[in-house]
C-alpha atoms as a PDB file:
ATOM      1  CA  MET A   1     148.418 -14.986 -65.184  1.00  0.00           C
ATOM      2  CA  ALA A   2     146.449 -17.450 -63.097  1.00  0.00           C
ATOM      3  CA  PRO A   3     145.814 -16.449 -59.433  1.00  0.00           C
ATOM      4  CA  SER A   4     147.577 -19.592 -58.220  1.00  0.00           C
ATOM      5  CA  ALA A   5     150.731 -18.681 -60.169  1.00  0.00           C
ATOM      6  CA  THR A   6     150.701 -15.139 -58.738  1.00  0.00           C
ATOM      7  CA  HIS A   7     150.417 -16.543 -55.223  1.00  0.00           C
ATOM      8  CA  GLN A   8     153.276 -18.966 -55.879  1.00  0.00           C
ATOM      9  CA  ILE A   9     155.632 -16.189 -57.105  1.00  0.00           C
ATOM     10  CA  SER A  10     154.714 -14.031 -54.120  1.00  0.00           C
ATOM     11  CA  THR A  11     155.486 -16.891 -51.747  1.00  0.00           C
ATOM     12  CA  VAL A  12     158.884 -17.503 -53.372  1.00  0.00           C
ATOM     13  CA  ALA A  13     159.757 -13.800 -53.168  1.00  0.00           C
ATOM     14  CA  THR A  14     158.825 -13.762 -49.487  1.00  0.00           C
ATOM     15  CA  ASP A  15     160.971 -16.832 -48.849  1.00  0.00           C
ATOM     16  CA  LEU A  16     163.924 -15.209 -50.631  1.00  0.00           C
ATOM     17  CA  LYS A  17     163.583 -12.104 -48.474  1.00  0.00           C
ATOM     18  CA  LYS A  18     163.623 -14.313 -45.394  1.00  0.00           C
ATOM     19  CA  ASP A  19     166.779 -16.077 -46.647  1.00  0.00           C
ATOM     20  CA  VAL A  20     168.503 -12.757 -47.263  1.00  0.00           C
ATOM     21  CA  ALA A  21     167.569 -11.530 -43.808  1.00  0.00           C
ATOM     22  CA  VAL A  22     168.918 -14.694 -42.210  1.00  0.00           C
ATOM     23  CA  SER A  23     172.174 -14.504 -44.171  1.00  0.00           C
ATOM     24  CA  LYS A  24     172.853 -11.010 -42.829  1.00  0.00           C
ATOM     25  CA  GLN A  25     172.825 -12.179 -39.230  1.00  0.00           C
ATOM     26  CA  PRO A  26     176.325 -12.526 -37.727  1.00  0.00           C
ATOM     27  CA  GLU A  27     177.508 -16.108 -37.712  1.00  0.00           C
ATOM     28  CA  VAL A  28     179.297 -17.721 -34.813  1.00  0.00           C
ATOM     29  CA  HIS A  29     182.197 -19.909 -35.947  1.00  0.00           C
ATOM     30  CA  VAL A  30     183.278 -22.775 -33.736  1.00  0.00           C
ATOM     31  CA  HIS A  31     186.806 -23.667 -34.747  1.00  0.00           C
ATOM     32  CA  GLY A  32     187.764 -26.809 -32.868  1.00  0.00           C
ATOM     33  CA  GLY A  33     190.990 -28.752 -33.043  1.00  0.00           C
ATOM     34  CA  GLU A  34     192.916 -26.441 -30.732  1.00  0.00           C
ATOM     35  CA  ASP A  35     193.774 -29.355 -28.441  1.00  0.00           C
ATOM     36  CA  LYS A  36     195.391 -31.285 -31.311  1.00  0.00           C
ATOM     37  CA  THR A  37     198.418 -30.887 -33.505  1.00  0.00           C
ATOM     38  CA  PRO A  38     197.559 -29.758 -37.054  1.00  0.00           C
ATOM     39  CA  LEU A  39     198.234 -33.248 -38.427  1.00  0.00           C
ATOM     40  CA  GLU A  40     196.091 -34.838 -35.706  1.00  0.00           C
ATOM     41  CA  ALA A  41     193.298 -32.389 -36.503  1.00  0.00           C
ATOM     42  CA  ILE A  42     193.326 -33.075 -40.257  1.00  0.00           C
ATOM     43  CA  SER A  43     193.661 -36.877 -39.962  1.00  0.00           C
ATOM     44  CA  HIS A  44     190.349 -38.738 -39.622  1.00  0.00           C
ATOM     45  CA  GLY A  45     190.552 -42.125 -37.979  1.00  0.00           C
ATOM     46  CA  PRO A  46     193.270 -43.929 -36.017  1.00  0.00           C
ATOM     47  CA  ILE A  47     196.089 -43.248 -38.515  1.00  0.00           C
ATOM     48  CA  ILE A  48     197.802 -39.875 -38.138  1.00  0.00           C
ATOM     49  CA  MET A  49     199.521 -38.449 -41.205  1.00  0.00           C
ATOM     50  CA  GLU A  50     203.285 -38.399 -40.772  1.00  0.00           C
ATOM     51  CA  GLY A  51     205.280 -35.194 -40.545  1.00  0.00           C
ATOM     52  CA  ILE A  52     209.008 -34.524 -40.775  1.00  0.00           C
ATOM     53  CA  PRO A  53     210.956 -37.789 -40.417  1.00  0.00           C
ATOM     54  CA  THR A  54     213.781 -38.261 -37.948  1.00  0.00           C
ATOM     55  CA  PHE A  55     217.222 -39.566 -38.864  1.00  0.00           C
ATOM     56  CA  SER A  56     219.821 -41.675 -37.099  1.00  0.00           C
ATOM     57  CA  SER A  57     222.792 -39.815 -38.626  1.00  0.00           C
ATOM     58  CA  HIS A  58     223.735 -36.618 -40.420  1.00  0.00           C
ATOM     59  CA  ALA A  59     224.564 -38.650 -43.517  1.00  0.00           C
ATOM     60  CA  GLU A  60     221.075 -40.163 -43.594  1.00  0.00           C
ATOM     61  CA  HIS A  61     219.511 -36.741 -43.084  1.00  0.00           C
ATOM     62  CA  ARG A  62     221.694 -35.202 -45.820  1.00  0.00           C
ATOM     63  CA  ARG A  63     220.688 -37.950 -48.235  1.00  0.00           C
ATOM     64  CA  HIS A  64     217.012 -37.248 -47.599  1.00  0.00           C
ATOM     65  CA  ILE A  65     217.502 -33.499 -48.057  1.00  0.00           C
ATOM     66  CA  LEU A  66     219.288 -33.838 -51.404  1.00  0.00           C
ATOM     67  CA  ILE A  67     216.741 -36.271 -52.818  1.00  0.00           C
ATOM     68  CA  HIS A  68     213.789 -34.120 -51.773  1.00  0.00           C
ATOM     69  CA  MET A  69     215.566 -30.997 -53.000  1.00  0.00           C
ATOM     70  CA  ALA A  70     215.887 -32.524 -56.469  1.00  0.00           C
ATOM     71  CA  ALA A  71     212.234 -33.594 -56.384  1.00  0.00           C
ATOM     72  CA  VAL A  72     211.130 -30.054 -55.479  1.00  0.00           C
ATOM     73  CA  PHE A  73     213.047 -28.742 -58.502  1.00  0.00           C
ATOM     74  CA  ARG A  74     211.215 -31.199 -60.740  1.00  0.00           C
ATOM     75  CA  ASP A  75     207.917 -30.087 -59.235  1.00  0.00           C
ATOM     76  CA  PHE A  76     208.876 -26.457 -59.967  1.00  0.00           C
ATOM     77  CA  SER A  77     209.564 -27.444 -63.568  1.00  0.00           C
ATOM     78  CA  ARG A  78     206.173 -29.108 -63.899  1.00  0.00           C
ATOM     79  CA  LYS A  79     204.518 -25.958 -62.558  1.00  0.00           C
ATOM     80  CA  GLY A  80     206.340 -23.701 -65.033  1.00  0.00           C
ATOM     81  CA  PHE A  81     208.682 -21.944 -62.616  1.00  0.00           C
ATOM     82  CA  THR A  82     211.644 -22.018 -65.024  1.00  0.00           C
ATOM     83  CA  GLU A  83     213.240 -19.012 -66.727  1.00  0.00           C
ATOM     84  CA  GLY A  84     216.559 -19.801 -68.381  1.00  0.00           C
ATOM     85  CA  MET A  85     219.284 -19.953 -65.725  1.00  0.00           C
ATOM     86  CA  SER A  86     217.242 -18.028 -63.134  1.00  0.00           C
ATOM     87  CA  GLY A  87     215.930 -19.593 -59.954  1.00  0.00           C
ATOM     88  CA  HIS A  88     217.600 -21.411 -57.115  1.00  0.00           C
ATOM     89  CA  ILE A  89     216.961 -23.419 -53.970  1.00  0.00           C
ATOM     90  CA  SER A  90     219.304 -23.692 -51.008  1.00  0.00           C
ATOM     91  CA  VAL A  91     219.173 -26.032 -48.030  1.00  0.00           C
ATOM     92  CA  ARG A  92     221.260 -25.794 -44.868  1.00  0.00           C
ATOM     93  CA  ASP A  93     223.437 -28.839 -44.235  1.00  0.00           C
ATOM     94  CA  PRO A  94     222.245 -30.799 -41.168  1.00  0.00           C
ATOM     95  CA  GLU A  95     225.787 -31.270 -39.811  1.00  0.00           C
ATOM     96  CA  PHE A  96     227.495 -27.987 -40.706  1.00  0.00           C
ATOM     97  CA  PRO A  97     225.093 -25.039 -40.223  1.00  0.00           C
ATOM     98  CA  HIS A  98     227.260 -22.608 -42.231  1.00  0.00           C
ATOM     99  CA  TYR A  99     227.203 -24.864 -45.308  1.00  0.00           C
ATOM    100  CA  ILE A 100     224.352 -24.694 -47.801  1.00  0.00           C
ATOM    101  CA  TRP A 101     223.487 -26.972 -50.705  1.00  0.00           C
ATOM    102  CA  MET A 102     222.489 -25.274 -53.969  1.00  0.00           C
ATOM    103  CA  ASN A 103     221.647 -26.259 -57.529  1.00  0.00           C
ATOM    104  CA  PRO A 104     224.187 -25.931 -60.358  1.00  0.00           C
ATOM    105  CA  LEU A 105     223.856 -22.987 -62.737  1.00  0.00           C
ATOM    106  CA  GLY A 106     222.120 -23.792 -66.007  1.00  0.00           C
ATOM    107  CA  LYS A 107     220.767 -27.261 -65.156  1.00  0.00           C
ATOM    108  CA  HIS A 108     217.085 -27.543 -66.060  1.00  0.00           C
ATOM    109  CA  PHE A 109     214.856 -27.972 -63.024  1.00  0.00           C
ATOM    110  CA  GLY A 110     213.069 -30.875 -64.695  1.00  0.00           C
ATOM    111  CA  LEU A 111     216.304 -32.854 -65.010  1.00  0.00           C
ATOM    112  CA  MET A 112     217.693 -32.244 -61.528  1.00  0.00           C
ATOM    113  CA  THR A 113     219.031 -35.155 -59.486  1.00  0.00           C
ATOM    114  CA  ALA A 114     220.378 -35.383 -55.953  1.00  0.00           C
ATOM    115  CA  GLY A 115     223.914 -35.782 -57.305  1.00  0.00           C
ATOM    116  CA  ASP A 116     223.796 -32.392 -59.041  1.00  0.00           C
ATOM    117  CA  MET A 117     223.851 -30.332 -55.847  1.00  0.00           C
ATOM    118  CA  ILE A 118     226.810 -28.176 -54.775  1.00  0.00           C
ATOM    119  CA  CYS A 119     227.764 -27.509 -51.158  1.00  0.00           C
ATOM    120  CA  LEU A 120     229.013 -24.002 -50.331  1.00  0.00           C
ATOM    121  CA  ASP A 121     230.391 -22.297 -47.248  1.00  0.00           C
ATOM    122  CA  TYR A 122     228.160 -19.260 -46.853  1.00  0.00           C
ATOM    123  CA  TYR A 123     230.915 -17.226 -45.217  1.00  0.00           C
ATOM    124  CA  SER A 124     233.731 -17.769 -47.701  1.00  0.00           C
ATOM    125  CA  GLY A 125     231.727 -18.759 -50.760  1.00  0.00           C
ATOM    126  CA  LYS A 126     234.006 -21.767 -51.318  1.00  0.00           C
ATOM    127  CA  VAL A 127     232.729 -25.040 -52.725  1.00  0.00           C
ATOM    128  CA  VAL A 128     233.121 -27.472 -49.822  1.00  0.00           C
ATOM    129  CA  GLY A 129     231.399 -30.580 -51.092  1.00  0.00           C
ATOM    130  CA  GLY A 130     229.043 -32.248 -53.514  1.00  0.00           C
ATOM    131  CA  ASN A 131     229.189 -31.736 -57.253  1.00  0.00           C
ATOM    132  CA  ASN A 132     232.485 -30.145 -58.338  1.00  0.00           C
ATOM    133  CA  THR A 133     231.863 -30.409 -62.090  1.00  0.00           C
ATOM    134  CA  ARG A 134     229.434 -27.445 -62.353  1.00  0.00           C
ATOM    135  CA  THR A 135     229.367 -23.859 -61.097  1.00  0.00           C
ATOM    136  CA  ALA A 136     226.787 -22.386 -58.756  1.00  0.00           C
ATOM    137  CA  ASN A 137     224.695 -19.278 -59.456  1.00  0.00           C
ATOM    138  CA  ALA A 138     226.574 -16.247 -58.077  1.00  0.00           C
ATOM    139  CA  ALA A 139     223.473 -14.077 -57.722  1.00  0.00           C
ATOM    140  CA  GLY A 140     221.649 -16.945 -56.056  1.00  0.00           C
ATOM    141  CA  PHE A 141     224.467 -17.510 -53.590  1.00  0.00           C
ATOM    142  CA  LEU A 142     224.554 -13.819 -52.627  1.00  0.00           C
ATOM    143  CA  ILE A 143     220.820 -13.829 -51.877  1.00  0.00           C
ATOM    144  CA  HIS A 144     220.549 -17.193 -50.158  1.00  0.00           C
ATOM    145  CA  SER A 145     223.713 -16.945 -48.075  1.00  0.00           C
ATOM    146  CA  GLU A 146     222.560 -13.669 -46.513  1.00  0.00           C
ATOM    147  CA  ILE A 147     219.139 -15.104 -45.674  1.00  0.00           C
ATOM    148  CA  HIS A 148     220.688 -18.181 -44.058  1.00  0.00           C
ATOM    149  CA  LYS A 149     223.043 -15.960 -42.053  1.00  0.00           C
ATOM    150  CA  ALA A 150     220.238 -13.686 -40.863  1.00  0.00           C
ATOM    151  CA  ARG A 151     217.735 -16.463 -40.119  1.00  0.00           C
ATOM    152  CA  PRO A 152     219.148 -19.439 -38.176  1.00  0.00           C
ATOM    153  CA  ASP A 153     215.608 -20.865 -38.105  1.00  0.00           C
ATOM    154  CA  VAL A 154     215.545 -21.105 -41.901  1.00  0.00           C
ATOM    155  CA  HIS A 155     216.798 -24.373 -43.373  1.00  0.00           C
ATOM    156  CA  ALA A 156     215.621 -23.886 -46.962  1.00  0.00           C
ATOM    157  CA  VAL A 157     215.138 -20.949 -49.321  1.00  0.00           C
ATOM    158  CA  CYS A 158     213.359 -21.045 -52.696  1.00  0.00           C
ATOM    159  CA  HIS A 159     213.474 -18.313 -55.325  1.00  0.00           C
ATOM    160  CA  ALA A 160     212.246 -18.250 -58.915  1.00  0.00           C
ATOM    161  CA  HIS A 161     210.977 -15.851 -61.559  1.00  0.00           C
ATOM    162  CA  THR A 162     207.391 -16.984 -62.117  1.00  0.00           C
ATOM    163  CA  ASP A 163     204.925 -15.259 -64.433  1.00  0.00           C
ATOM    164  CA  ALA A 164     202.324 -14.431 -61.790  1.00  0.00           C
ATOM    165  CA  GLY A 165     204.987 -13.535 -59.225  1.00  0.00           C
ATOM    166  CA  ARG A 166     206.693 -11.069 -61.527  1.00  0.00           C
ATOM    167  CA  ALA A 167     203.379  -9.593 -62.626  1.00  0.00           C
ATOM    168  CA  TRP A 168     202.127  -8.958 -59.078  1.00  0.00           C
ATOM    169  CA  SER A 169     205.558  -7.819 -57.884  1.00  0.00           C
ATOM    170  CA  VAL A 170     205.340  -4.621 -59.952  1.00  0.00           C
ATOM    171  CA  PHE A 171     202.769  -3.242 -57.502  1.00  0.00           C
ATOM    172  CA  ALA A 172     205.047  -3.710 -54.456  1.00  0.00           C
ATOM    173  CA  ARG A 173     202.058  -4.912 -52.449  1.00  0.00           C
ATOM    174  CA  PRO A 174     201.471  -8.000 -50.288  1.00  0.00           C
ATOM    175  CA  LEU A 175     198.583 -10.346 -51.066  1.00  0.00           C
ATOM    176  CA  ASP A 176     195.090 -10.016 -49.654  1.00  0.00           C
ATOM    177  CA  MET A 177     193.772 -12.986 -47.685  1.00  0.00           C
ATOM    178  CA  LEU A 178     191.300 -13.853 -50.445  1.00  0.00           C
ATOM    179  CA  ASN A 179     190.829 -17.533 -49.714  1.00  0.00           C
ATOM    180  CA  GLN A 180     191.438 -20.256 -47.169  1.00  0.00           C
ATOM    181  CA  ASP A 181     194.719 -21.442 -48.661  1.00  0.00           C
ATOM    182  CA  ILE A 182     196.584 -18.140 -48.831  1.00  0.00           C
ATOM    183  CA  CYS A 183     195.846 -17.727 -45.114  1.00  0.00           C
ATOM    184  CA  TYR A 184     198.659 -20.244 -44.560  1.00  0.00           C
ATOM    185  CA  LEU A 185     200.828 -17.173 -45.164  1.00  0.00           C
ATOM    186  CA  TYR A 186     198.796 -14.772 -43.023  1.00  0.00           C
ATOM    187  CA  ASP A 187     200.959 -11.991 -41.608  1.00  0.00           C
ATOM    188  CA  SER A 188     204.003 -13.724 -43.120  1.00  0.00           C
ATOM    189  CA  ILE A 189     204.480 -12.126 -46.559  1.00  0.00           C
ATOM    190  CA  ALA A 190     207.142  -9.432 -46.790  1.00  0.00           C
ATOM    191  CA  VAL A 191     207.567  -6.997 -49.671  1.00  0.00           C
ATOM    192  CA  TYR A 192     210.986  -5.843 -50.835  1.00  0.00           C
ATOM    193  CA  ALA A 193     209.907  -2.576 -52.428  1.00  0.00           C
ATOM    194  CA  SER A 194     213.222  -1.695 -54.055  1.00  0.00           C
ATOM    195  CA  TYR A 195     214.802  -3.067 -57.194  1.00  0.00           C
ATOM    196  CA  GLY A 196     218.600  -3.087 -57.323  1.00  0.00           C
ATOM    197  CA  GLY A 197     219.227  -4.998 -60.545  1.00  0.00           C
ATOM    198  CA  ILE A 198     220.780  -8.455 -60.887  1.00  0.00           C
ATOM    199  CA  VAL A 199     222.333  -9.342 -57.548  1.00  0.00           C
ATOM    200  CA  PHE A 200     226.107  -9.275 -57.936  1.00  0.00           C
ATOM    201  CA  ALA A 201     226.920  -7.696 -54.562  1.00  0.00           C
ATOM    202  CA  ALA A 202     226.443  -8.968 -51.016  1.00  0.00           C
ATOM    203  CA  GLU A 203     224.720  -5.698 -50.053  1.00  0.00           C
ATOM    204  CA  GLU A 204     221.677  -6.484 -52.192  1.00  0.00           C
ATOM    205  CA  GLY A 205     221.433  -9.929 -50.607  1.00  0.00           C
ATOM    206  CA  GLU A 206     221.567  -8.224 -47.218  1.00  0.00           C
ATOM    207  CA  ASN A 207     218.770  -5.870 -48.266  1.00  0.00           C
ATOM    208  CA  ILE A 208     216.542  -8.771 -49.303  1.00  0.00           C
ATOM    209  CA  ALA A 209     217.274 -10.615 -46.052  1.00  0.00           C
ATOM    210  CA  ALA A 210     216.439  -7.472 -44.066  1.00  0.00           C
ATOM    211  CA  ALA A 211     213.160  -7.063 -45.953  1.00  0.00           C
ATOM    212  CA  LEU A 212     212.235 -10.680 -45.229  1.00  0.00           C
ATOM    213  CA  GLY A 213     212.654  -9.900 -41.541  1.00  0.00           C
ATOM    214  CA  PRO A 214     212.883 -12.197 -38.522  1.00  0.00           C
ATOM    215  CA  LYS A 215     209.643 -14.153 -38.932  1.00  0.00           C
ATOM    216  CA  ASN A 216     208.197 -13.946 -42.454  1.00  0.00           C
ATOM    217  CA  LYS A 217     207.842 -17.095 -44.535  1.00  0.00           C
ATOM    218  CA  ALA A 218     207.761 -15.437 -47.956  1.00  0.00           C
ATOM    219  CA  ALA A 219     208.671 -12.281 -49.837  1.00  0.00           C
ATOM    220  CA  ILE A 220     207.563 -10.498 -52.980  1.00  0.00           C
ATOM    221  CA  LEU A 221     210.569  -8.842 -54.641  1.00  0.00           C
ATOM    222  CA  LEU A 222     209.739  -5.737 -56.694  1.00  0.00           C
ATOM    223  CA  ASN A 223     210.220  -6.263 -60.456  1.00  0.00           C
ATOM    224  CA  HIS A 224     211.958  -9.542 -59.684  1.00  0.00           C
ATOM    225  CA  GLY A 225     209.985 -12.512 -58.416  1.00  0.00           C
ATOM    226  CA  LEU A 226     209.080 -14.526 -55.347  1.00  0.00           C
ATOM    227  CA  LEU A 227     210.937 -16.054 -52.427  1.00  0.00           C
ATOM    228  CA  SER A 228     209.952 -18.494 -49.706  1.00  0.00           C
ATOM    229  CA  VAL A 229     211.661 -20.044 -46.695  1.00  0.00           C
ATOM    230  CA  GLY A 230     211.011 -23.044 -44.497  1.00  0.00           C
ATOM    231  CA  SER A 231     212.275 -25.470 -41.911  1.00  0.00           C
ATOM    232  CA  THR A 232     212.524 -28.090 -44.684  1.00  0.00           C
ATOM    233  CA  VAL A 233     212.910 -27.859 -48.447  1.00  0.00           C
ATOM    234  CA  ASP A 234     209.473 -29.482 -48.610  1.00  0.00           C
ATOM    235  CA  GLU A 235     207.906 -26.647 -46.616  1.00  0.00           C
ATOM    236  CA  ALA A 236     209.694 -23.925 -48.570  1.00  0.00           C
ATOM    237  CA  GLY A 237     208.727 -25.591 -51.849  1.00  0.00           C
ATOM    238  CA  PHE A 238     205.061 -25.872 -50.932  1.00  0.00           C
ATOM    239  CA  LEU A 239     204.892 -22.278 -49.692  1.00  0.00           C
ATOM    240  CA  PHE A 240     206.543 -21.036 -52.873  1.00  0.00           C
ATOM    241  CA  GLY A 241     203.859 -22.685 -55.004  1.00  0.00           C
ATOM    242  CA  LEU A 242     201.159 -21.362 -52.678  1.00  0.00           C
ATOM    243  CA  LEU A 243     202.571 -17.830 -52.978  1.00  0.00           C
ATOM    244  CA  ASP A 244     202.694 -18.038 -56.768  1.00  0.00           C
ATOM    245  CA  ARG A 245     199.111 -19.302 -56.965  1.00  0.00           C
ATOM    246  CA  GLY A 246     198.135 -16.520 -54.575  1.00  0.00           C
ATOM    247  CA  CYS A 247     199.576 -13.989 -57.022  1.00  0.00           C
ATOM    248  CA  THR A 248     197.609 -15.570 -59.862  1.00  0.00           C
ATOM    249  CA  ILE A 249     194.362 -15.418 -57.910  1.00  0.00           C
ATOM    250  CA  GLN A 250     194.994 -11.818 -56.805  1.00  0.00           C
ATOM    251  CA  LEU A 251     195.613 -10.764 -60.403  1.00  0.00           C
ATOM    252  CA  GLN A 252     192.421 -12.532 -61.519  1.00  0.00           C
ATOM    253  CA  VAL A 253     190.379 -10.883 -58.779  1.00  0.00           C
ATOM    254  CA  GLU A 254     191.777  -7.421 -59.534  1.00  0.00           C
ATOM    255  CA  ALA A 255     191.035  -7.897 -63.254  1.00  0.00           C
ATOM    256  CA  ALA A 256     187.491  -9.074 -62.525  1.00  0.00           C
ATOM    257  CA  MET A 257     186.838  -6.028 -60.347  1.00  0.00           C
ATOM    258  CA  ARG A 258     188.252  -3.738 -63.013  1.00  0.00           C
ATOM    259  CA  GLY A 259     185.839  -5.223 -65.518  1.00  0.00           C
ATOM    260  CA  ASN A 260     182.861  -4.996 -63.175  1.00  0.00           C
ATOM    261  CA  PRO A 261     182.954  -2.130 -60.636  1.00  0.00           C
ATOM    262  CA  ASP A 262     179.958  -3.626 -58.802  1.00  0.00           C
ATOM    263  CA  LEU A 263     182.088  -6.526 -57.602  1.00  0.00           C
ATOM    264  CA  LYS A 264     183.459  -6.285 -54.074  1.00  0.00           C
ATOM    265  CA  LYS A 265     186.290  -8.268 -52.507  1.00  0.00           C
ATOM    266  CA  HIS A 266     185.394 -10.259 -49.401  1.00  0.00           C
ATOM    267  CA  ILE A 267     188.659 -10.662 -47.532  1.00  0.00           C
ATOM    268  CA  VAL A 268     189.048 -13.303 -44.829  1.00  0.00           C
ATOM    269  CA  SER A 269     188.917 -11.685 -41.395  1.00  0.00           C
ATOM    270  CA  ASP A 270     192.068 -11.428 -39.306  1.00  0.00           C
ATOM    271  CA  GLU A 271     190.595 -13.836 -36.747  1.00  0.00           C
ATOM    272  CA  GLU A 272     189.828 -16.543 -39.290  1.00  0.00           C
ATOM    273  CA  ALA A 273     193.067 -15.999 -41.193  1.00  0.00           C
ATOM    274  CA  ALA A 274     195.081 -16.323 -37.977  1.00  0.00           C
ATOM    275  CA  TYR A 275     193.249 -19.545 -37.099  1.00  0.00           C
ATOM    276  CA  ASN A 276     193.938 -21.010 -40.538  1.00  0.00           C
ATOM    277  CA  MET A 277     197.588 -20.031 -40.243  1.00  0.00           C
ATOM    278  CA  LYS A 278     197.862 -21.645 -36.806  1.00  0.00           C
ATOM    279  CA  MET A 279     196.246 -24.923 -37.879  1.00  0.00           C
ATOM    280  CA  ALA A 280     197.798 -25.293 -41.348  1.00  0.00           C
ATOM    281  CA  SER A 281     201.160 -23.536 -41.332  1.00  0.00           C
ATOM    282  CA  GLU A 282     203.000 -25.620 -38.740  1.00  0.00           C
ATOM    283  CA  LYS A 283     206.239 -27.161 -40.043  1.00  0.00           C
ATOM    284  CA  ASN A 284     205.106 -30.806 -39.945  1.00  0.00           C
ATOM    285  CA  SER A 285     201.842 -29.953 -41.644  1.00  0.00           C
ATOM    286  CA  LEU A 286     203.607 -27.996 -44.381  1.00  0.00           C
ATOM    287  CA  TYR A 287     206.073 -30.836 -44.896  1.00  0.00           C
ATOM    288  CA  ALA A 288     203.109 -33.179 -45.366  1.00  0.00           C
ATOM    289  CA  GLU A 289     201.427 -30.749 -47.783  1.00  0.00           C
ATOM    290  CA  MET A 290     204.307 -31.150 -50.241  1.00  0.00           C
ATOM    291  CA  GLN A 291     204.470 -34.935 -50.214  1.00  0.00           C
ATOM    292  CA  PRO A 292     201.697 -35.661 -52.787  1.00  0.00           C
ATOM    293  CA  ASP A 293     203.487 -33.546 -55.407  1.00  0.00           C
ATOM    294  CA  LEU A 294     206.851 -35.122 -54.601  1.00  0.00           C
ATOM    295  CA  GLU A 295     205.427 -38.648 -54.705  1.00  0.00           C
ATOM    296  CA  TYR A 296     204.137 -37.822 -58.163  1.00  0.00           C
ATOM    297  CA  GLU A 297     207.593 -36.671 -59.280  1.00  0.00           C
ATOM    298  CA  PHE A 298     209.226 -39.849 -57.948  1.00  0.00           C
ATOM    299  CA  ALA A 299     206.644 -41.978 -59.756  1.00  0.00           C
ATOM    300  CA  MET A 300     206.962 -40.074 -63.042  1.00  0.00           C
ATOM    301  CA  ALA A 301     210.777 -40.130 -62.969  1.00  0.00           C
ATOM    302  CA  GLY A 302     211.021 -43.834 -62.234  1.00  0.00           C
ATOM    303  CA  GLU A 303     212.913 -45.740 -59.582  1.00  0.00           C
ATOM    304  CA  GLY A 304     216.344 -44.341 -58.731  1.00  0.00           C
ATOM    305  CA  VAL A 305     216.289 -41.435 -61.214  1.00  0.00           C
ATOM    306  CA  ILE A 306     215.873 -38.495 -58.832  1.00  0.00           C
ATOM    307  CA  GLU A 307     218.176 -40.217 -56.315  1.00  0.00           C
ATOM    308  CA  LYS A 308     220.962 -40.597 -58.891  1.00  0.00           C
ATOM    309  CA  GLY A 309     224.391 -39.687 -57.524  1.00  0.00           C
ATOM    310  CA  VAL A 310     223.272 -39.150 -53.943  1.00  0.00           C
ATOM    311  CA  ASP A 311     225.541 -41.858 -52.545  1.00  0.00           C
ATOM    312  CA  GLY A 312     228.543 -40.001 -53.944  1.00  0.00           C
ATOM    313  CA  MET A 313     227.702 -36.738 -52.198  1.00  0.00           C
ATOM    314  CA  ARG A 314     230.531 -35.888 -49.799  1.00  0.00           C
ATOM    315  CA  ILE A 315     231.645 -32.865 -47.797  1.00  0.00           C
ATOM    316  CA  TRP A 316     235.381 -32.293 -47.760  1.00  0.00           C
ATOM    317  CA  GLY A 317     235.318 -29.014 -45.858  1.00  0.00           C
ATOM    318  CA  ASP A 318     236.868 -25.559 -45.975  1.00  0.00           C
ATOM    319  CA  ALA A 319     240.454 -26.755 -46.181  1.00  0.00           C
ATOM    320  CA  GLN A 320     240.133 -28.134 -49.714  1.00  0.00           C
ATOM    321  CA  GLU A 321     238.889 -26.826 -53.035  1.00  0.00           C
END
């Protein structure tokens, strides 16, 4: 080998050693944005991305909820969150806090419209409005009603039996903070480490609600699936998808490590995970996170399709069947 080539290789090796030495030095991270709302921080320029809209009446708010609820179902279908008749979403009515809107049993998520939704009194279980031509999911009602009772802050609950969710659930473990996105759920993922079969009793719904606790945004249900909650159906829907993708990534990482013992997980530090959670997991920001997927569903369905039947949605109350 020519002397010049030997010198060149030696120089490169020395430079690499220097790079390695530099990389081992502790880095100081300057976060920034603490003086802004999350949407102000993420928006570049004079236009600030919009968060949760306001409404002039309960009827207007209800209309928005039902349309977005149907769109979230269609998004779930596109992402493969269907399993026969399993899976349900509930949203608290904006006028009557003890009423919740749920999907009809056996209607495919990909065909859901605003006019399909059923309104139920979560105390009595009676149908009190909306679609009276289909039945609701009994197991779904028993789970969702108990969560809504236990968590007045929760306006929407999503539950489905996804592949990755069911696979990871068998370990009865929360997710590691393996990437920036899953940190949106930092210190907010509960684990219900008991399996009580198909939920046909209020007690099991109470157990799931208790496991979710007073502040968590999501839960992994042993041998069952995933659950998320939010201040809007948009937030709950986005967090559900995030949780499912988190399960997929965790399974991939665990499999990669199993195949190569030399690999080591680098988990996001508590400090950085907490910062990400603070700046990205605020309710207006999470509402905005879901809008690109919902806009896509509205565009793919065509004008007026997802909204079908919404103008006929009425609440007649506890006194009537």
